[in-house]
Amino acid sequence: MISWILNNIGTIAVSAILIAIVITALVIVLKDKKKGKSTCGCNCAHCAMAGSCHNSKR
């Protein structure tokens, strides 16, 4: 088992870094969503989904 880990340490390290980045991005997105922040530019006049995007604010 130890030899397998040592042989694949590079793959394990890169995978761990990528997982950490994805988890960090998800946490940031979820925190912003709870705060009511939007990912759009809020230029609803030019948006095809303007009628359904910000229903709670109207």
N, C-alpha and C. Protein backbone atom coordinates (compact mmCIF):
# COMPACT_ATOMS: atom_id res chain seq x y z
N MET A 1 0.83 -1.20 0.00
CA MET A 1 0.00 0.00 0.00
C MET A 1 0.87 1.26 0.00
N ILE A 2 1.91 1.26 0.83
CA ILE A 2 2.80 2.40 0.91
C ILE A 2 3.51 2.62 -0.43
N SER A 3 3.92 1.53 -1.07
CA SER A 3 4.61 1.68 -2.35
C SER A 3 3.67 2.25 -3.42
N TRP A 4 2.41 1.88 -3.38
CA TRP A 4 1.43 2.43 -4.33
C TRP A 4 1.29 3.93 -4.12
N ILE A 5 1.19 4.35 -2.86
CA ILE A 5 1.09 5.78 -2.55
C ILE A 5 2.34 6.52 -3.02
N LEU A 6 3.50 5.98 -2.77
CA LEU A 6 4.74 6.62 -3.18
C LEU A 6 4.86 6.70 -4.70
N ASN A 7 4.37 5.68 -5.40
CA ASN A 7 4.42 5.67 -6.86
C ASN A 7 3.45 6.67 -7.48
N ASN A 8 2.39 7.00 -6.76
CA ASN A 8 1.34 7.88 -7.29
C ASN A 8 1.22 9.19 -6.52
N ILE A 9 2.26 9.61 -5.84
CA ILE A 9 2.21 10.80 -5.00
C ILE A 9 1.90 12.07 -5.81
N GLY A 10 2.40 12.14 -7.02
CA GLY A 10 2.13 13.31 -7.87
C GLY A 10 0.65 13.41 -8.22
N THR A 11 0.07 12.30 -8.62
CA THR A 11 -1.35 12.27 -8.95
C THR A 11 -2.21 12.58 -7.73
N ILE A 12 -1.83 12.05 -6.60
CA ILE A 12 -2.57 12.29 -5.37
C ILE A 12 -2.49 13.76 -4.98
N ALA A 13 -1.33 14.36 -5.09
CA ALA A 13 -1.15 15.77 -4.73
C ALA A 13 -1.96 16.69 -5.65
N VAL A 14 -1.89 16.45 -6.95
CA VAL A 14 -2.64 17.27 -7.91
C VAL A 14 -4.14 17.11 -7.68
N SER A 15 -4.58 15.88 -7.44
CA SER A 15 -6.00 15.64 -7.18
C SER A 15 -6.47 16.36 -5.91
N ALA A 16 -5.65 16.33 -4.88
CA ALA A 16 -6.00 17.00 -3.63
C ALA A 16 -6.10 18.51 -3.84
N ILE A 17 -5.20 19.08 -4.61
CA ILE A 17 -5.24 20.52 -4.89
C ILE A 17 -6.49 20.88 -5.68
N LEU A 18 -6.81 20.07 -6.69
CA LEU A 18 -8.01 20.34 -7.50
C LEU A 18 -9.28 20.21 -6.68
N ILE A 19 -9.34 19.22 -5.80
CA ILE A 19 -10.51 19.05 -4.94
C ILE A 19 -10.64 20.25 -4.01
N ALA A 20 -9.53 20.74 -3.47
CA ALA A 20 -9.56 21.91 -2.59
C ALA A 20 -10.06 23.15 -3.34
N ILE A 21 -9.64 23.32 -4.59
CA ILE A 21 -10.10 24.47 -5.40
C ILE A 21 -11.59 24.38 -5.66
N VAL A 22 -12.07 23.21 -6.01
CA VAL A 22 -13.50 23.03 -6.29
C VAL A 22 -14.33 23.27 -5.03
N ILE A 23 -13.90 22.75 -3.90
CA ILE A 23 -14.63 22.96 -2.65
C ILE A 23 -14.64 24.43 -2.27
N THR A 24 -13.52 25.12 -2.44
CA THR A 24 -13.46 26.55 -2.15
C THR A 24 -14.41 27.34 -3.04
N ALA A 25 -14.45 27.00 -4.32
CA ALA A 25 -15.36 27.69 -5.24
C ALA A 25 -16.82 27.45 -4.85
N LEU A 26 -17.15 26.23 -4.48
CA LEU A 26 -18.53 25.92 -4.06
C LEU A 26 -18.91 26.69 -2.80
N VAL A 27 -17.99 26.77 -1.85
CA VAL A 27 -18.27 27.50 -0.61
C VAL A 27 -18.52 28.97 -0.91
N ILE A 28 -17.71 29.55 -1.77
CA ILE A 28 -17.87 30.97 -2.12
C ILE A 28 -19.21 31.19 -2.82
N VAL A 29 -19.56 30.33 -3.75
CA VAL A 29 -20.83 30.47 -4.48
C VAL A 29 -22.01 30.33 -3.52
N LEU A 30 -21.95 29.36 -2.62
CA LEU A 30 -23.05 29.16 -1.68
C LEU A 30 -23.18 30.33 -0.69
N LYS A 31 -22.06 30.88 -0.23
CA LYS A 31 -22.10 32.03 0.66
C LYS A 31 -22.70 33.25 -0.05
N ASP A 32 -22.30 33.46 -1.32
CA ASP A 32 -22.84 34.57 -2.08
C ASP A 32 -24.34 34.39 -2.31
N LYS A 33 -24.76 33.17 -2.56
CA LYS A 33 -26.19 32.91 -2.78
C LYS A 33 -26.99 33.20 -1.51
N LYS A 34 -26.46 32.82 -0.36
CA LYS A 34 -27.14 33.09 0.91
C LYS A 34 -27.23 34.59 1.19
N LYS A 35 -26.23 35.34 0.75
CA LYS A 35 -26.23 36.79 0.94
C LYS A 35 -27.12 37.50 -0.07
N GLY A 36 -27.60 36.77 -1.07
CA GLY A 36 -28.47 37.37 -2.07
C GLY A 36 -27.73 37.97 -3.24
N LYS A 37 -26.45 37.72 -3.33
CA LYS A 37 -25.68 38.24 -4.45
C LYS A 37 -26.00 37.44 -5.71
N SER A 38 -25.88 38.09 -6.84
CA SER A 38 -26.18 37.46 -8.11
C SER A 38 -24.91 37.35 -8.94
N THR A 39 -24.85 36.33 -9.79
CA THR A 39 -23.70 36.17 -10.66
C THR A 39 -23.86 36.95 -11.96
N CYS A 40 -25.06 37.43 -12.20
CA CYS A 40 -25.29 38.19 -13.43
C CYS A 40 -24.91 39.65 -13.21
N GLY A 41 -24.86 40.40 -14.29
CA GLY A 41 -24.52 41.81 -14.21
C GLY A 41 -25.72 42.68 -13.87
N CYS A 42 -26.89 42.08 -13.73
CA CYS A 42 -28.14 42.77 -13.40
C CYS A 42 -28.54 43.81 -14.44
N ASN A 43 -28.17 43.58 -15.68
CA ASN A 43 -28.61 44.43 -16.77
C ASN A 43 -29.79 43.72 -17.42
N CYS A 44 -30.90 43.67 -16.69
CA CYS A 44 -32.04 42.86 -17.09
C CYS A 44 -32.75 43.37 -18.34
N ALA A 45 -32.51 44.58 -18.73
CA ALA A 45 -33.17 45.13 -19.90
C ALA A 45 -32.77 44.37 -21.17
N HIS A 46 -31.58 43.80 -21.17
CA HIS A 46 -31.08 43.11 -22.36
C HIS A 46 -31.05 41.60 -22.19
N CYS A 47 -31.66 41.10 -21.14
CA CYS A 47 -31.60 39.68 -20.83
C CYS A 47 -32.88 38.99 -21.29
N ALA A 48 -32.73 37.82 -21.90
CA ALA A 48 -33.90 37.05 -22.35
C ALA A 48 -34.68 36.48 -21.17
N MET A 49 -34.03 36.29 -20.04
CA MET A 49 -34.68 35.72 -18.86
C MET A 49 -35.09 36.79 -17.84
N ALA A 50 -35.22 38.02 -18.25
CA ALA A 50 -35.49 39.12 -17.34
C ALA A 50 -36.78 38.93 -16.54
N GLY A 51 -37.76 38.31 -17.11
CA GLY A 51 -39.04 38.11 -16.41
C GLY A 51 -39.00 37.07 -15.32
N SER A 52 -38.04 36.16 -15.37
CA SER A 52 -38.02 35.08 -14.39
C SER A 52 -36.80 35.08 -13.47
N CYS A 53 -35.84 35.92 -13.75
CA CYS A 53 -34.59 35.90 -13.00
C CYS A 53 -34.73 36.54 -11.62
N HIS A 54 -35.32 37.71 -11.53
CA HIS A 54 -35.37 38.45 -10.28
C HIS A 54 -36.80 38.66 -9.81
N ASN A 55 -37.58 37.61 -9.78
CA ASN A 55 -38.98 37.72 -9.38
C ASN A 55 -39.16 38.20 -7.94
N SER A 56 -38.27 37.77 -7.04
CA SER A 56 -38.43 38.12 -5.63
C SER A 56 -38.17 39.59 -5.35
N LYS A 57 -37.47 40.29 -6.22
CA LYS A 57 -37.13 41.69 -5.99
C LYS A 57 -38.19 42.64 -6.53
N ARG A 58 -39.19 42.12 -7.25
CA ARG A 58 -40.19 42.99 -7.85
C ARG A 58 -41.39 43.13 -6.99
